[in-house]
Amino acid sequence: MAGRDLDDPEAEFDDHDPAWDTRDTPFRRWLIDGLTAAGSTLPAEAVSLFAPVNRYGGLSETNADLLAILTHTTVDMVRAAHKADLQHWAREQELRDHPDLTVLDADPDRIRDHS
C-alpha cells in the first residue's frame, strides 16, 4: 500500500504531516460515527490507522473494503467520505496559503452551522 512506513525512521515523507496521526478530520469523524453506529467494540483510536493514510497515501481498495465492513456501509460510501476529506484538506491548504481568505471562508461556515 502506498503511504509512509511507520517502522522506517530514516524514510523521508515530505508531504506527511505528523499531526494527521491524531488530528480530528472529517474522515476520522466519519469512521468514528460509522463504527459507533455499527455497534463496533473497536476503540476510536483504531481509526488512527486509516485516517492519516487517507490523506497521505490514498485509500487502497483493501482498506475501502475493510472500512465498509467495519462501518456496515458500502465501499462507495467509504470512498465518498474519503473524497470529502480530501476536499476539506484542499480547502485547508488554500486557506493556509492565502490567510486573507480565512475571514471570507468563515461566513459560509457560520451560516451553515447556524441554519
Protein backbone atom coordinates (compact mmCIF):
# COMPACT_ATOMS: atom_id res chain seq x y z
CA MET A 1 0.00 0.00 0.00
CA ALA A 2 1.17 3.49 -0.75
CA GLY A 3 1.93 5.68 2.19
CA ARG A 4 4.51 6.08 4.86
CA ASP A 5 6.27 3.18 6.54
CA LEU A 6 5.83 3.80 10.25
CA ASP A 7 8.67 1.39 11.04
CA ASP A 8 11.27 3.21 8.91
CA PRO A 9 12.63 6.19 10.87
CA GLU A 10 15.07 7.01 8.05
CA ALA A 11 12.42 7.42 5.38
CA GLU A 12 11.55 10.89 4.21
CA PHE A 13 7.91 11.81 3.93
CA ASP A 14 7.92 15.30 2.51
CA ASP A 15 4.15 15.55 2.31
CA HIS A 16 3.30 13.81 5.57
CA ASP A 17 2.10 15.99 8.42
CA PRO A 18 2.59 14.15 11.75
CA ALA A 19 -0.47 15.98 13.10
CA TRP A 20 -2.58 13.77 10.81
CA ASP A 21 -1.90 10.85 13.14
CA THR A 22 -4.14 12.38 15.82
CA ARG A 23 -5.92 15.23 14.05
CA ASP A 24 -9.68 15.46 14.02
CA THR A 25 -10.50 15.22 10.32
CA PRO A 26 -13.80 14.68 8.53
CA PHE A 27 -12.74 11.14 7.61
CA ARG A 28 -11.76 10.33 11.19
CA ARG A 29 -15.15 11.63 12.43
CA TRP A 30 -16.94 9.64 9.71
CA LEU A 31 -15.12 6.48 10.77
CA ILE A 32 -15.87 7.01 14.46
CA ASP A 33 -19.53 7.70 13.70
CA GLY A 34 -19.69 4.65 11.43
CA LEU A 35 -18.06 2.36 13.97
CA THR A 36 -20.38 3.66 16.69
CA ALA A 37 -23.49 3.22 14.53
CA ALA A 38 -22.35 -0.30 13.62
CA GLY A 39 -22.07 -1.15 17.31
CA SER A 40 -18.36 -1.81 16.99
CA THR A 41 -16.33 -2.53 20.08
CA LEU A 42 -13.19 -1.19 18.39
CA PRO A 43 -11.80 1.82 20.23
CA ALA A 44 -11.95 5.16 18.43
CA GLU A 45 -8.15 5.12 18.31
CA ALA A 46 -8.37 2.26 15.84
CA VAL A 47 -9.29 4.76 13.14
CA SER A 48 -5.88 6.37 13.53
CA LEU A 49 -4.62 3.51 11.40
CA PHE A 50 -6.75 4.74 8.49
CA ALA A 51 -7.38 8.48 8.84
CA PRO A 52 -3.81 9.71 8.19
CA VAL A 53 -3.30 7.16 5.43
CA ASN A 54 -6.41 8.53 3.76
CA ARG A 55 -4.71 11.88 3.22
CA TYR A 56 -1.12 10.85 2.76
CA GLY A 57 -1.20 7.63 0.81
CA GLY A 58 -4.70 7.45 -0.57
CA LEU A 59 -7.34 4.86 0.11
CA SER A 60 -6.48 1.37 -1.05
CA GLU A 61 -9.18 -0.96 -2.34
CA THR A 62 -8.41 -3.33 0.53
CA ASN A 63 -8.86 -0.60 3.15
CA ALA A 64 -12.05 0.66 1.48
CA ASP A 65 -13.48 -2.87 1.61
CA LEU A 66 -12.42 -3.35 5.24
CA LEU A 67 -13.81 0.01 6.34
CA ALA A 68 -17.11 -0.70 4.59
CA ILE A 69 -17.37 -3.97 6.52
CA LEU A 70 -16.42 -2.40 9.85
CA THR A 71 -18.82 0.53 9.47
CA HIS A 72 -21.65 -1.52 7.93
CA THR A 73 -21.64 0.78 4.90
CA THR A 74 -20.75 0.40 1.25
CA VAL A 75 -17.42 0.88 -0.46
CA ASP A 76 -19.00 3.80 -2.33
CA MET A 77 -19.88 5.45 0.99
CA VAL A 78 -16.30 4.96 2.23
CA ARG A 79 -14.96 6.47 -0.99
CA ALA A 80 -17.36 9.41 -0.68
CA ALA A 81 -16.13 10.09 2.87
CA HIS A 82 -12.54 9.81 1.62
CA LYS A 83 -13.24 12.25 -1.22
CA ALA A 84 -14.95 14.72 1.14
CA ASP A 85 -11.94 14.58 3.45
CA LEU A 86 -9.56 15.30 0.58
CA GLN A 87 -11.71 18.25 -0.49
CA HIS A 88 -11.66 19.56 3.09
CA TRP A 89 -7.89 19.16 3.18
CA ALA A 90 -7.51 21.00 -0.14
CA ARG A 91 -9.57 23.88 1.28
CA GLU A 92 -7.36 23.93 4.40
CA GLN A 93 -4.31 24.20 2.15
CA GLU A 94 -5.84 27.07 0.19
CA LEU A 95 -6.59 28.95 3.38
CA ARG A 96 -3.12 28.28 4.73
CA ASP A 97 -1.58 29.58 1.52
CA HIS A 98 -3.93 32.59 1.43
CA PRO A 99 -4.68 33.59 5.04
CA ASP A 100 -6.59 36.65 3.84
CA LEU A 101 -9.33 34.30 2.63
CA THR A 102 -9.89 32.89 6.11
CA VAL A 103 -12.25 35.72 7.06
CA LEU A 104 -14.28 35.21 3.90
CA ASP A 105 -14.38 31.45 4.45
CA ALA A 106 -15.74 31.87 7.99
CA ASP A 107 -19.02 33.44 6.84
CA PRO A 108 -20.35 30.43 4.87
CA ASP A 109 -19.25 28.14 7.70
CA ARG A 110 -21.01 30.31 10.27
CA ILE A 111 -24.17 30.46 8.17
CA ARG A 112 -24.11 26.68 7.60
CA ASP A 113 -23.55 25.93 11.30
CA HIS A 114 -26.45 28.16 12.40
CA SER A 115 -29.03 27.03 9.84
